[in-house]
Protein backbone atom coordinates (compact mmCIF):
# COMPACT_ATOMS: atom_id res chain seq x y z
CA UNK A 1 36.92 76.82 46.96
CA UNK A 2 34.83 79.94 47.54
CA UNK A 3 35.85 81.27 44.13
CA UNK A 4 35.04 77.95 42.42
CA UNK A 5 31.60 78.02 44.04
CA UNK A 6 31.04 81.64 42.98
CA UNK A 7 32.19 81.03 39.39
CA UNK A 8 29.97 77.96 39.04
CA UNK A 9 26.94 79.88 40.34
CA UNK A 10 27.61 82.72 37.88
CA UNK A 11 28.07 80.15 35.09
CA UNK A 12 24.56 78.83 35.80
CA UNK A 13 23.28 82.40 35.45
CA UNK A 14 25.16 82.94 32.20
CA UNK A 15 23.90 79.65 30.79
CA UNK A 16 20.28 80.56 31.65
CA UNK A 17 20.77 83.83 29.77
CA UNK A 18 22.28 81.92 26.83
CA UNK A 19 19.24 79.62 26.90
CA UNK A 20 16.86 82.56 26.61
CA UNK A 21 18.89 84.11 23.80
CA UNK A 22 19.14 80.86 21.83
CA UNK A 23 15.44 79.99 21.99
CA UNK A 24 14.37 83.51 20.96
CA UNK A 25 16.95 83.55 18.15
CA UNK A 26 15.57 80.23 16.89
CA UNK A 27 11.98 81.44 17.23
CA UNK A 28 12.74 84.59 15.23
CA UNK A 29 14.44 82.52 12.53
CA UNK A 30 11.50 80.13 12.44
CA UNK A 31 9.06 83.04 12.04
CA UNK A 32 11.14 84.49 9.20
CA UNK A 33 11.40 81.09 7.54
CA UNK A 34 7.60 80.62 7.70
CA UNK A 35 7.03 84.18 6.37
CA UNK A 36 9.28 83.34 3.41
CA UNK A 37 7.19 80.29 2.53
CA UNK A 38 8.67 77.57 4.74
CA UNK A 39 6.24 74.87 5.81
CA UNK A 40 6.32 73.24 9.22
CA UNK A 41 4.59 69.88 9.21
CA UNK A 42 5.26 66.28 10.16
CA UNK A 43 7.70 65.77 7.28
CA UNK A 44 9.85 68.62 8.58
CA UNK A 45 10.10 66.97 12.00
CA UNK A 46 10.97 63.63 10.42
CA UNK A 47 13.57 65.04 8.02
CA UNK A 48 16.26 65.43 10.68
CA UNK A 49 17.64 68.46 8.87
CA UNK A 50 17.95 72.07 9.98
CA UNK A 51 15.43 73.92 7.77
CA UNK A 52 16.80 77.39 8.58
CA UNK A 53 20.13 78.63 9.99
CA UNK A 54 18.69 79.79 13.31
CA UNK A 55 17.60 76.23 14.03
CA UNK A 56 21.05 75.98 15.60
CA UNK A 57 19.59 77.97 18.50
CA UNK A 58 17.23 75.10 19.31
CA UNK A 59 20.09 72.64 19.19
CA UNK A 60 22.19 74.78 21.55
CA UNK A 61 19.17 75.26 23.83
CA UNK A 62 18.66 71.50 24.00
CA UNK A 63 22.30 70.61 24.65
CA UNK A 64 22.79 73.34 27.25
CA UNK A 65 19.56 72.48 29.01
CA UNK A 66 19.99 68.72 29.06
CA UNK A 67 23.76 68.45 29.61
CA UNK A 68 25.73 71.62 30.34
CA UNK A 69 23.55 73.32 32.96
CA UNK A 70 22.81 70.14 34.92
CA UNK A 71 26.54 69.33 35.08
CA UNK A 72 27.39 72.85 36.27
CA UNK A 73 24.60 72.73 38.87
CA UNK A 74 25.87 69.37 40.16
CA UNK A 75 29.43 70.71 40.36
CA UNK A 76 28.07 73.75 42.23
CA UNK A 77 26.45 71.50 44.81
CA UNK A 78 29.66 69.50 45.22
CA UNK A 79 31.73 72.68 45.58
CA UNK A 80 29.28 74.05 48.14
CA UNK A 81 30.34 71.43 50.68
CA UNK A 82 33.92 72.79 50.70
CA UNK A 83 33.21 76.48 50.06
CA UNK A 84 32.70 77.23 53.77
CA UNK A 85 30.05 79.82 52.93
CA UNK A 86 26.97 80.06 55.14
CA UNK A 87 23.92 78.86 53.22
CA UNK A 88 25.98 77.63 50.26
CA UNK A 89 24.77 74.04 50.40
CA UNK A 90 21.14 75.09 50.67
CA UNK A 91 21.47 77.60 47.80
CA UNK A 92 23.31 75.12 45.57
CA UNK A 93 20.78 72.41 46.40
CA UNK A 94 17.96 74.74 45.40
CA UNK A 95 19.76 75.57 42.15
CA UNK A 96 20.07 71.87 41.36
CA UNK A 97 16.43 71.24 42.26
CA UNK A 98 15.32 74.08 39.96
CA UNK A 99 17.52 72.67 37.17
CA UNK A 100 15.87 69.26 37.54
CA UNK A 101 12.46 70.95 37.47
CA UNK A 102 13.53 72.98 34.42
CA UNK A 103 14.59 69.89 32.49
CA UNK A 104 11.34 68.15 33.43
CA UNK A 105 9.24 71.13 32.37
CA UNK A 106 11.17 71.34 29.10
CA UNK A 107 10.51 67.69 28.30
CA UNK A 108 6.84 67.78 29.34
CA UNK A 109 6.37 71.02 27.42
CA UNK A 110 6.74 69.11 24.16
CA UNK A 111 3.55 67.20 25.00
CA UNK A 112 1.70 69.93 26.92
CA UNK A 113 2.62 73.31 25.38
CA UNK A 114 1.17 75.34 28.29
CA UNK A 115 3.93 73.88 30.45
CA UNK A 116 6.27 76.01 28.34
CA UNK A 117 5.05 79.05 30.29
CA UNK A 118 6.16 77.38 33.52
CA UNK A 119 9.47 76.51 31.85
CA UNK A 120 10.04 80.21 31.15
CA UNK A 121 9.02 81.31 34.65
CA UNK A 122 11.19 78.66 36.28
CA UNK A 123 14.14 79.90 34.20
CA UNK A 124 13.75 83.31 35.84
CA UNK A 125 13.61 81.69 39.26
CA UNK A 126 16.69 79.60 38.46
CA UNK A 127 18.60 82.69 37.28
CA UNK A 128 17.71 84.55 40.48
CA UNK A 129 18.59 81.62 42.72
CA UNK A 130 21.97 81.21 41.02
CA UNK A 131 22.60 84.93 41.58
CA UNK A 132 21.70 84.50 45.25
CA UNK A 133 24.08 81.54 45.50
CA UNK A 134 26.93 83.51 43.91
CA UNK A 135 26.36 86.49 46.19
CA UNK A 136 26.52 84.30 49.28
CA UNK A 137 30.32 84.43 48.88
CA UNK A 138 30.45 88.23 49.06
CA UNK A 139 28.04 88.21 52.00
CA UNK A 140 30.24 85.71 53.82
CA UNK A 141 33.34 87.85 53.26
CA UNK A 142 31.54 90.97 54.51
CA UNK A 143 30.17 89.33 57.65
CA UNK A 144 32.37 89.73 60.72
CA UNK A 145 33.87 86.49 61.96
CA UNK A 146 33.33 85.91 65.65
CA UNK A 147 35.01 83.25 67.69
CA UNK A 148 33.62 81.65 70.80
CA UNK A 149 36.05 83.70 72.90
CA UNK A 150 34.91 86.98 71.29
CA UNK A 151 31.30 86.00 71.82
CA UNK A 152 31.94 85.25 75.50
CA UNK A 153 33.63 88.64 76.06
CA UNK A 154 30.91 90.62 74.27
CA UNK A 155 28.10 88.61 75.81
């Protein structure tokens, strides 16, 4: 179960990196589309069509952020109970909390654009916390295991 926990934590990290790549890819495509004469107005939002190929990045960003990452974070928390790694439950719980905050900031950011800055900063915190969670496994393997009898002998 340790390996499942570690893989899930690394998957959260990978997905956060994918999120950053997808949103910047879409932003670059949007900028190019505007520079080539594309117009972004209310009719574009209501059309329901992808106006430029890189719009796919926004779709991936939305699906990953609203579905994939939350599911992985929830599975990480569940796995943490059986991983038998010190601090695993706390680290996984923090990952899930940051994911919930990230989704909330992403939704609110559509109404209050400045919240987008917090969305980006929280993504960095989420990435780092997932790394910490994954590395708990290696730290647990490196730590010497002491039994009560060993502790009594060595004082």
